PDB file of N, CA and C in Angstrom:
ATOM      1  N   UNK A   1      37.182   0.285   2.879  1.00  0.00           N
ATOM      2  CA  UNK A   1      35.779   0.000   2.766  1.00  0.00           C
ATOM      3  C   UNK A   1      35.507  -1.229   1.923  1.00  0.00           C
ATOM      4  N   UNK A   2      36.345  -1.488   0.939  1.00  0.00           N
ATOM      5  CA  UNK A   2      36.126  -2.625   0.054  1.00  0.00           C
ATOM      6  C   UNK A   2      36.364  -3.943   0.780  1.00  0.00           C
ATOM      7  N   UNK A   3      37.080  -3.920   1.906  1.00  0.00           N
ATOM      8  CA  UNK A   3      37.380  -5.140   2.636  1.00  0.00           C
ATOM      9  C   UNK A   3      36.224  -5.585   3.524  1.00  0.00           C
ATOM     10  N   UNK A   4      35.300  -4.710   3.790  1.00  0.00           N
ATOM     11  CA  UNK A   4      34.193  -5.033   4.695  1.00  0.00           C
ATOM     12  C   UNK A   4      33.145  -5.880   3.985  1.00  0.00           C
ATOM     13  N   UNK A   5      32.779  -6.997   4.595  1.00  0.00           N
ATOM     14  CA  UNK A   5      31.722  -7.856   4.056  1.00  0.00           C
ATOM     15  C   UNK A   5      30.367  -7.339   4.541  1.00  0.00           C
ATOM     16  N   UNK A   6      29.381  -7.236   3.656  1.00  0.00           N
ATOM     17  CA  UNK A   6      28.063  -6.781   4.093  1.00  0.00           C
ATOM     18  C   UNK A   6      27.367  -7.848   4.935  1.00  0.00           C
ATOM     19  N   UNK A   7      26.544  -7.392   5.854  1.00  0.00           N
ATOM     20  CA  UNK A   7      25.803  -8.323   6.705  1.00  0.00           C
ATOM     21  C   UNK A   7      24.717  -9.026   5.880  1.00  0.00           C
ATOM     22  N   UNK A   8      24.195 -10.141   6.368  1.00  0.00           N
ATOM     23  CA  UNK A   8      23.128 -10.830   5.631  1.00  0.00           C
ATOM     24  C   UNK A   8      21.889  -9.955   5.428  1.00  0.00           C
ATOM     25  N   UNK A   9      21.556  -9.148   6.429  1.00  0.00           N
ATOM     26  CA  UNK A   9      20.395  -8.263   6.283  1.00  0.00           C
ATOM     27  C   UNK A   9      20.638  -7.222   5.201  1.00  0.00           C
ATOM     28  N   UNK A  10      21.861  -6.694   5.134  1.00  0.00           N
ATOM     29  CA  UNK A  10      22.192  -5.705   4.111  1.00  0.00           C
ATOM     30  C   UNK A  10      22.131  -6.323   2.715  1.00  0.00           C
ATOM     31  N   UNK A  11      22.576  -7.565   2.591  1.00  0.00           N
ATOM     32  CA  UNK A  11      22.512  -8.248   1.296  1.00  0.00           C
ATOM     33  C   UNK A  11      21.064  -8.492   0.870  1.00  0.00           C
ATOM     34  N   UNK A  12      20.198  -8.882   1.821  1.00  0.00           N
ATOM     35  CA  UNK A  12      18.785  -9.089   1.503  1.00  0.00           C
ATOM     36  C   UNK A  12      18.129  -7.786   1.079  1.00  0.00           C
ATOM     37  N   UNK A  13      18.519  -6.686   1.738  1.00  0.00           N
ATOM     38  CA  UNK A  13      17.957  -5.390   1.383  1.00  0.00           C
ATOM     39  C   UNK A  13      18.381  -4.980  -0.024  1.00  0.00           C
ATOM     40  N   UNK A  14      19.660  -5.187  -0.341  1.00  0.00           N
ATOM     41  CA  UNK A  14      20.149  -4.847  -1.683  1.00  0.00           C
ATOM     42  C   UNK A  14      19.478  -5.715  -2.745  1.00  0.00           C
ATOM     43  N   UNK A  15      19.371  -7.006  -2.473  1.00  0.00           N
ATOM     44  CA  UNK A  15      18.735  -7.919  -3.417  1.00  0.00           C
ATOM     45  C   UNK A  15      17.263  -7.556  -3.592  1.00  0.00           C
ATOM     46  N   UNK A  16      16.600  -7.249  -2.489  1.00  0.00           N
ATOM     47  CA  UNK A  16      15.188  -6.890  -2.549  1.00  0.00           C
ATOM     48  C   UNK A  16      14.958  -5.617  -3.336  1.00  0.00           C
ATOM     49  N   UNK A  17      15.829  -4.634  -3.172  1.00  0.00           N
ATOM     50  CA  UNK A  17      15.677  -3.383  -3.903  1.00  0.00           C
ATOM     51  C   UNK A  17      15.860  -3.609  -5.398  1.00  0.00           C
ATOM     52  N   UNK A  18      16.887  -4.333  -5.769  1.00  0.00           N
ATOM     53  CA  UNK A  18      17.141  -4.588  -7.187  1.00  0.00           C
ATOM     54  C   UNK A  18      16.043  -5.414  -7.836  1.00  0.00           C
ATOM     55  N   UNK A  19      15.648  -6.490  -7.182  1.00  0.00           N
ATOM     56  CA  UNK A  19      14.617  -7.365  -7.744  1.00  0.00           C
ATOM     57  C   UNK A  19      13.269  -6.654  -7.789  1.00  0.00           C
ATOM     58  N   UNK A  20      12.939  -5.916  -6.743  1.00  0.00           N
ATOM     59  CA  UNK A  20      11.659  -5.213  -6.714  1.00  0.00           C
ATOM     60  C   UNK A  20      11.559  -4.158  -7.800  1.00  0.00           C
ATOM     61  N   UNK A  21      12.603  -3.371  -7.971  1.00  0.00           N
ATOM     62  CA  UNK A  21      12.592  -2.337  -9.006  1.00  0.00           C
ATOM     63  C   UNK A  21      12.543  -2.971 -10.392  1.00  0.00           C
ATOM     64  N   UNK A  22      13.276  -4.065 -10.602  1.00  0.00           N
ATOM     65  CA  UNK A  22      13.269  -4.722 -11.916  1.00  0.00           C
ATOM     66  C   UNK A  22      11.878  -5.258 -12.258  1.00  0.00           C
ATOM     67  N   UNK A  23      11.245  -5.918 -11.313  1.00  0.00           N
ATOM     68  CA  UNK A  23       9.895  -6.454 -11.562  1.00  0.00           C
ATOM     69  C   UNK A  23       8.901  -5.316 -11.742  1.00  0.00           C
ATOM     70  N   UNK A  24       9.001  -4.305 -10.886  1.00  0.00           N
ATOM     71  CA  UNK A  24       8.077  -3.177 -10.977  1.00  0.00           C
ATOM     72  C   UNK A  24       8.215  -2.414 -12.279  1.00  0.00           C
ATOM     73  N   UNK A  25       9.447  -2.225 -12.740  1.00  0.00           N
ATOM     74  CA  UNK A  25       9.630  -1.503 -14.008  1.00  0.00           C
ATOM     75  C   UNK A  25       9.117  -2.324 -15.181  1.00  0.00           C
ATOM     76  N   UNK A  26       9.267  -3.633 -15.113  1.00  0.00           N
ATOM     77  CA  UNK A  26       8.705  -4.480 -16.170  1.00  0.00           C
ATOM     78  C   UNK A  26       7.193  -4.350 -16.240  1.00  0.00           C
ATOM     79  N   UNK A  27       6.565  -4.373 -15.081  1.00  0.00           N
ATOM     80  CA  UNK A  27       5.116  -4.190 -15.034  1.00  0.00           C
ATOM     81  C   UNK A  27       4.753  -2.779 -15.480  1.00  0.00           C
ATOM     82  N   UNK A  28       5.540  -1.794 -15.060  1.00  0.00           N
ATOM     83  CA  UNK A  28       5.271  -0.404 -15.425  1.00  0.00           C
ATOM     84  C   UNK A  28       5.375  -0.155 -16.915  1.00  0.00           C
ATOM     85  N   UNK A  29       6.375  -0.728 -17.550  1.00  0.00           N
ATOM     86  CA  UNK A  29       6.521  -0.560 -19.002  1.00  0.00           C
ATOM     87  C   UNK A  29       5.344  -1.221 -19.722  1.00  0.00           C
ATOM     88  N   UNK A  30       4.946  -2.396 -19.256  1.00  0.00           N
ATOM     89  CA  UNK A  30       3.797  -3.068 -19.873  1.00  0.00           C
ATOM     90  C   UNK A  30       2.520  -2.236 -19.708  1.00  0.00           C
ATOM     91  N   UNK A  31       2.331  -1.658 -18.530  1.00  0.00           N
ATOM     92  CA  UNK A  31       1.162  -0.800 -18.319  1.00  0.00           C
ATOM     93  C   UNK A  31       1.256   0.473 -19.153  1.00  0.00           C
ATOM     94  N   UNK A  32       2.456   1.026 -19.269  1.00  0.00           N
ATOM     95  CA  UNK A  32       2.652   2.235 -20.067  1.00  0.00           C
ATOM     96  C   UNK A  32       2.312   2.004 -21.530  1.00  0.00           C
ATOM     97  N   UNK A  33       2.692   0.858 -22.042  1.00  0.00           N
ATOM     98  CA  UNK A  33       2.367   0.541 -23.433  1.00  0.00           C
ATOM     99  C   UNK A  33       0.868   0.323 -23.591  1.00  0.00           C
ATOM    100  N   UNK A  34       0.261  -0.397 -22.648  1.00  0.00           N
ATOM    101  CA  UNK A  34      -1.170  -0.686 -22.790  1.00  0.00           C
ATOM    102  C   UNK A  34      -2.029   0.568 -22.597  1.00  0.00           C
ATOM    103  N   UNK A  35      -1.619   1.479 -21.705  1.00  0.00           N
ATOM    104  CA  UNK A  35      -2.374   2.718 -21.504  1.00  0.00           C
ATOM    105  C   UNK A  35      -2.008   3.791 -22.515  1.00  0.00           C
ATOM    106  N   UNK A  36      -0.934   3.565 -23.259  1.00  0.00           N
ATOM    107  CA  UNK A  36      -0.387   4.554 -24.183  1.00  0.00           C
ATOM    108  C   UNK A  36      -0.028   5.836 -23.436  1.00  0.00           C
ATOM    109  N   UNK A  37       0.482   5.635 -22.212  1.00  0.00           N
ATOM    110  CA  UNK A  37       0.896   6.740 -21.356  1.00  0.00           C
ATOM    111  C   UNK A  37       2.114   6.267 -20.563  1.00  0.00           C
ATOM    112  N   UNK A  38       3.316   6.559 -21.073  1.00  0.00           N
ATOM    113  CA  UNK A  38       4.536   6.067 -20.466  1.00  0.00           C
ATOM    114  C   UNK A  38       4.755   6.608 -19.057  1.00  0.00           C
ATOM    115  N   UNK A  39       4.415   7.846 -18.834  1.00  0.00           N
ATOM    116  CA  UNK A  39       4.661   8.448 -17.518  1.00  0.00           C
ATOM    117  C   UNK A  39       3.822   7.759 -16.450  1.00  0.00           C
ATOM    118  N   UNK A  40       2.575   7.499 -16.742  1.00  0.00           N
ATOM    119  CA  UNK A  40       1.706   6.810 -15.792  1.00  0.00           C
ATOM    120  C   UNK A  40       2.203   5.385 -15.540  1.00  0.00           C
ATOM    121  N   UNK A  41       2.575   4.682 -16.584  1.00  0.00           N
ATOM    122  CA  UNK A  41       3.038   3.306 -16.444  1.00  0.00           C
ATOM    123  C   UNK A  41       4.315   3.198 -15.633  1.00  0.00           C
ATOM    124  N   UNK A  42       5.277   4.057 -15.908  1.00  0.00           N
ATOM    125  CA  UNK A  42       6.532   4.015 -15.164  1.00  0.00           C
ATOM    126  C   UNK A  42       6.319   4.446 -13.719  1.00  0.00           C
ATOM    127  N   UNK A  43       5.445   5.391 -13.481  1.00  0.00           N
ATOM    128  CA  UNK A  43       5.143   5.805 -12.102  1.00  0.00           C
ATOM    129  C   UNK A  43       4.525   4.657 -11.314  1.00  0.00           C
ATOM    130  N   UNK A  44       3.582   3.977 -11.922  1.00  0.00           N
ATOM    131  CA  UNK A  44       2.970   2.824 -11.260  1.00  0.00           C
ATOM    132  C   UNK A  44       4.017   1.729 -11.054  1.00  0.00           C
ATOM    133  N   UNK A  45       4.898   1.543 -12.026  1.00  0.00           N
ATOM    134  CA  UNK A  45       5.956   0.549 -11.901  1.00  0.00           C
ATOM    135  C   UNK A  45       6.908   0.839 -10.760  1.00  0.00           C
ATOM    136  N   UNK A  46       7.244   2.095 -10.552  1.00  0.00           N
ATOM    137  CA  UNK A  46       8.129   2.458  -9.436  1.00  0.00           C
ATOM    138  C   UNK A  46       7.454   2.173  -8.105  1.00  0.00           C
ATOM    139  N   UNK A  47       6.183   2.492  -7.999  1.00  0.00           N
ATOM    140  CA  UNK A  47       5.449   2.222  -6.756  1.00  0.00           C
ATOM    141  C   UNK A  47       5.379   0.722  -6.497  1.00  0.00           C
ATOM    142  N   UNK A  48       5.078  -0.058  -7.526  1.00  0.00           N
ATOM    143  CA  UNK A  48       5.040  -1.509  -7.379  1.00  0.00           C
ATOM    144  C   UNK A  48       6.422  -2.037  -7.010  1.00  0.00           C
ATOM    145  N   UNK A  49       7.457  -1.528  -7.647  1.00  0.00           N
ATOM    146  CA  UNK A  49       8.820  -1.970  -7.376  1.00  0.00           C
ATOM    147  C   UNK A  49       9.263  -1.682  -5.958  1.00  0.00           C
ATOM    148  N   UNK A  50       8.972  -0.502  -5.467  1.00  0.00           N
ATOM    149  CA  UNK A  50       9.351  -0.181  -4.090  1.00  0.00           C
ATOM    150  C   UNK A  50       8.569  -1.020  -3.087  1.00  0.00           C
ATOM    151  N   UNK A  51       7.305  -1.277  -3.380  1.00  0.00           N
ATOM    152  CA  UNK A  51       6.505  -2.137  -2.500  1.00  0.00           C
ATOM    153  C   UNK A  51       7.066  -3.554  -2.469  1.00  0.00           C
ATOM    154  N   UNK A  52       7.426  -4.064  -3.632  1.00  0.00           N
ATOM    155  CA  UNK A  52       8.005  -5.407  -3.682  1.00  0.00           C
ATOM    156  C   UNK A  52       9.360  -5.464  -2.994  1.00  0.00           C
ATOM    157  N   UNK A  53      10.147  -4.415  -3.131  1.00  0.00           N
ATOM    158  CA  UNK A  53      11.463  -4.423  -2.492  1.00  0.00           C
ATOM    159  C   UNK A  53      11.335  -4.448  -0.970  1.00  0.00           C
ATOM    160  N   UNK A  54      10.371  -3.742  -0.434  1.00  0.00           N
ATOM    161  CA  UNK A  54      10.143  -3.781   1.011  1.00  0.00           C
ATOM    162  C   UNK A  54       9.666  -5.173   1.426  1.00  0.00           C
ATOM    163  N   UNK A  55       8.756  -5.750   0.644  1.00  0.00           N
ATOM    164  CA  UNK A  55       8.245  -7.087   0.972  1.00  0.00           C
ATOM    165  C   UNK A  55       9.345  -8.139   0.892  1.00  0.00           C
ATOM    166  N   UNK A  56      10.198  -8.065  -0.113  1.00  0.00           N
ATOM    167  CA  UNK A  56      11.289  -9.034  -0.250  1.00  0.00           C
ATOM    168  C   UNK A  56      12.303  -8.852   0.882  1.00  0.00           C
ATOM    169  N   UNK A  57      12.579  -7.633   1.242  1.00  0.00           N
ATOM    170  CA  UNK A  57      13.535  -7.381   2.317  1.00  0.00           C
ATOM    171  C   UNK A  57      13.050  -7.835   3.675  1.00  0.00           C
ATOM    172  N   UNK A  58      11.766  -7.829   3.907  1.00  0.00           N
ATOM    173  CA  UNK A  58      11.213  -8.222   5.191  1.00  0.00           C
ATOM    174  C   UNK A  58      10.802  -9.685   5.262  1.00  0.00           C
ATOM    175  N   UNK A  59      10.707 -10.365   4.156  1.00  0.00           N
ATOM    176  CA  UNK A  59      10.205 -11.741   4.122  1.00  0.00           C
ATOM    177  C   UNK A  59      10.990 -12.709   5.000  1.00  0.00           C
ATOM    178  N   UNK A  60      12.321 -12.717   5.000  1.00  0.00           N
ATOM    179  CA  UNK A  60      13.022 -13.698   5.842  1.00  0.00           C
ATOM    180  C   UNK A  60      12.725 -13.536   7.327  1.00  0.00           C
ATOM    181  N   UNK A  61      12.491 -12.329   7.785  1.00  0.00           N
ATOM    182  CA  UNK A  61      12.185 -12.133   9.200  1.00  0.00           C
ATOM    183  C   UNK A  61      10.832 -12.712   9.545  1.00  0.00           C
ATOM    184  N   UNK A  62       9.862 -12.576   8.658  1.00  0.00           N
ATOM    185  CA  UNK A  62       8.541 -13.150   8.927  1.00  0.00           C
ATOM    186  C   UNK A  62       8.612 -14.667   8.979  1.00  0.00           C
ATOM    187  N   UNK A  63       9.366 -15.271   8.072  1.00  0.00           N
ATOM    188  CA  UNK A  63       9.487 -16.731   8.080  1.00  0.00           C
ATOM    189  C   UNK A  63      10.131 -17.219   9.369  1.00  0.00           C
ATOM    190  N   UNK A  64      11.147 -16.523   9.845  1.00  0.00           N
ATOM    191  CA  UNK A  64      11.814 -16.941  11.068  1.00  0.00           C
ATOM    192  C   UNK A  64      10.860 -16.821  12.249  1.00  0.00           C
ATOM    193  N   UNK A  65      10.057 -15.749  12.326  1.00  0.00           N
ATOM    194  CA  UNK A  65       9.113 -15.572  13.410  1.00  0.00           C
ATOM    195  C   UNK A  65       8.040 -16.654  13.388  1.00  0.00           C
ATOM    196  N   UNK A  66       7.538 -16.995  12.200  1.00  0.00           N
ATOM    197  CA  UNK A  66       6.502 -18.010  12.122  1.00  0.00           C
ATOM    198  C   UNK A  66       7.061 -19.386  12.478  1.00  0.00           C
ATOM    199  N   UNK A  67       8.328 -19.666  12.170  1.00  0.00           N
ATOM    200  CA  UNK A  67       8.937 -20.937  12.548  1.00  0.00           C
ATOM    201  C   UNK A  67       9.073 -21.026  14.066  1.00  0.00           C
ATOM    202  N   UNK A  68       9.428 -19.923  14.720  1.00  0.00           N
ATOM    203  CA  UNK A  68       9.497 -19.919  16.180  1.00  0.00           C
ATOM    204  C   UNK A  68       8.125 -20.150  16.782  1.00  0.00           C
ATOM    205  N   UNK A  69       7.101 -19.598  16.164  1.00  0.00           N
ATOM    206  CA  UNK A  69       5.746 -19.758  16.675  1.00  0.00           C
ATOM    207  C   UNK A  69       5.293 -21.211  16.564  1.00  0.00           C
ATOM    208  N   UNK A  70       5.673 -21.888  15.480  1.00  0.00           N
ATOM    209  CA  UNK A  70       5.290 -23.292  15.312  1.00  0.00           C
ATOM    210  C   UNK A  70       5.927 -24.159  16.384  1.00  0.00           C
ATOM    211  N   UNK A  71       7.154 -23.895  16.783  1.00  0.00           N
ATOM    212  CA  UNK A  71       7.776 -24.713  17.821  1.00  0.00           C
ATOM    213  C   UNK A  71       7.067 -24.503  19.150  1.00  0.00           C
ATOM    214  N   UNK A  72       6.547 -23.308  19.399  1.00  0.00           N
ATOM    215  CA  UNK A  72       5.790 -23.071  20.618  1.00  0.00           C
ATOM    216  C   UNK A  72       4.498 -23.871  20.611  1.00  0.00           C
ATOM    217  N   UNK A  73       3.829 -23.964  19.462  1.00  0.00           N
ATOM    218  CA  UNK A  73       2.585 -24.717  19.368  1.00  0.00           C
ATOM    219  C   UNK A  73       2.822 -26.207  19.572  1.00  0.00           C
ATOM    220  N   UNK A  74       3.920 -26.741  19.061  1.00  0.00           N
ATOM    221  CA  UNK A  74       4.183 -28.165  19.231  1.00  0.00           C
ATOM    222  C   UNK A  74       4.494 -28.488  20.683  1.00  0.00           C
ATOM    223  N   UNK A  75       5.101 -27.560  21.421  1.00  0.00           N
ATOM    224  CA  UNK A  75       5.352 -27.792  22.837  1.00  0.00           C
ATOM    225  C   UNK A  75       4.050 -27.888  23.608  1.00  0.00           C
ATOM    226  N   UNK A  76       3.060 -27.083  23.233  1.00  0.00           N
ATOM    227  CA  UNK A  76       1.772 -27.137  23.908  1.00  0.00           C
ATOM    228  C   UNK A  76       1.059 -28.442  23.616  1.00  0.00           C
ATOM    229  N   UNK A  77       1.227 -28.983  22.411  1.00  0.00           N
ATOM    230  CA  UNK A  77       0.547 -30.216  22.054  1.00  0.00           C
ATOM    231  C   UNK A  77       1.151 -31.412  22.773  1.00  0.00           C
ATOM    232  N   UNK A  78       2.424 -31.380  23.115  1.00  0.00           N
ATOM    233  CA  UNK A  78       3.046 -32.496  23.813  1.00  0.00           C
ATOM    234  C   UNK A  78       2.901 -32.370  25.323  1.00  0.00           C
ATOM    235  N   UNK A  79       2.334 -31.281  25.813  1.00  0.00           N
ATOM    236  CA  UNK A  79       2.142 -31.084  27.239  1.00  0.00           C
ATOM    237  C   UNK A  79       1.077 -32.067  27.726  1.00  0.00           C
ATOM    238  N   UNK A  80       1.325 -32.827  28.818  1.00  0.00           N
ATOM    239  CA  UNK A  80       0.343 -33.805  29.252  1.00  0.00           C
ATOM    240  C   UNK A  80      -0.969 -33.180  29.728  1.00  0.00           C
ATOM    241  N   UNK A  81      -0.930 -31.944  30.181  1.00  0.00           N
ATOM    242  CA  UNK A  81      -2.159 -31.301  30.638  1.00  0.00           C
ATOM    243  C   UNK A  81      -2.927 -30.649  29.520  1.00  0.00           C
ATOM    244  N   UNK A  82      -2.363 -30.597  28.309  1.00  0.00           N
ATOM    245  CA  UNK A  82      -3.040 -30.002  27.170  1.00  0.00           C
ATOM    246  C   UNK A  82      -2.663 -28.552  27.000  1.00  0.00           C
ATOM    247  N   UNK A  83      -3.175 -27.943  25.936  1.00  0.00           N
ATOM    248  CA  UNK A  83      -2.840 -26.546  25.690  1.00  0.00           C
ATOM    249  C   UNK A  83      -3.490 -25.618  26.710  1.00  0.00           C
ATOM    250  N   UNK A  84      -2.824 -24.546  26.965  1.00  0.00           N
ATOM    251  CA  UNK A  84      -3.323 -23.548  27.903  1.00  0.00           C
ATOM    252  C   UNK A  84      -4.356 -22.694  27.189  1.00  0.00           C
ATOM    253  N   UNK A  85      -5.549 -22.486  27.772  1.00  0.00           N
ATOM    254  CA  UNK A  85      -6.542 -21.630  27.084  1.00  0.00           C
ATOM    255  C   UNK A  85      -6.061 -20.194  27.039  1.00  0.00           C
ATOM    256  N   UNK A  86      -6.388 -19.534  25.936  1.00  0.00           N
ATOM    257  CA  UNK A  86      -5.936 -18.139  25.757  1.00  0.00           C
ATOM    258  C   UNK A  86      -7.088 -17.199  25.836  1.00  0.00           C
TER     259      UNK A  86
END
């Protein structure tokens, strides 16, 4: 198992989970101190962290899709008949 290299998607997921939880816990601890309620702050931090980890893990796919969409738009602009109405 140690010889297997993780796929790029798996690496992004691992990085996103770690970074999201770290940022979320930092925010959660700060909220816990300001509210003087550690349980509430850490709970909010976990929710923020998991949300960020999902967003970080999905971000490269959105960028790739939007780049493909831009190339489609440039093809329509170079068309001699103009863009097709939608």
